[in-house]
Amino acid sequence: INARVEVLGPPPAQGQPPEPAIVSNERSALVSEKAEINAVVASAQNLSVRVNGLVDKISVMRSELFRSVITKHYD
């Protein structure tokens, strides 16, 4: 996406003639697509952090359970 935006170049500065509609539409579509991708990436990163936290929690719980089982006294 970034490469495609670079090919389009910067939008015209204020006071410059407007760019053709096809270029403007393509730029808008690319910006929108990039925003959607960034949102998905952010969501994936948040999920990754949550998963890692849960993995750590499960590891602690398994260790506690193991310790509990091996130290349990049977009569």
Foldseek 3Di string as FASTA:
>chain_A
DVVVVVVLPDFDDPPDDGDDPVSVVVNVVVVVVVVVVVVVVVVVVVVVVVVVVVVVVVVVVVVVVVVCVVPDDDD
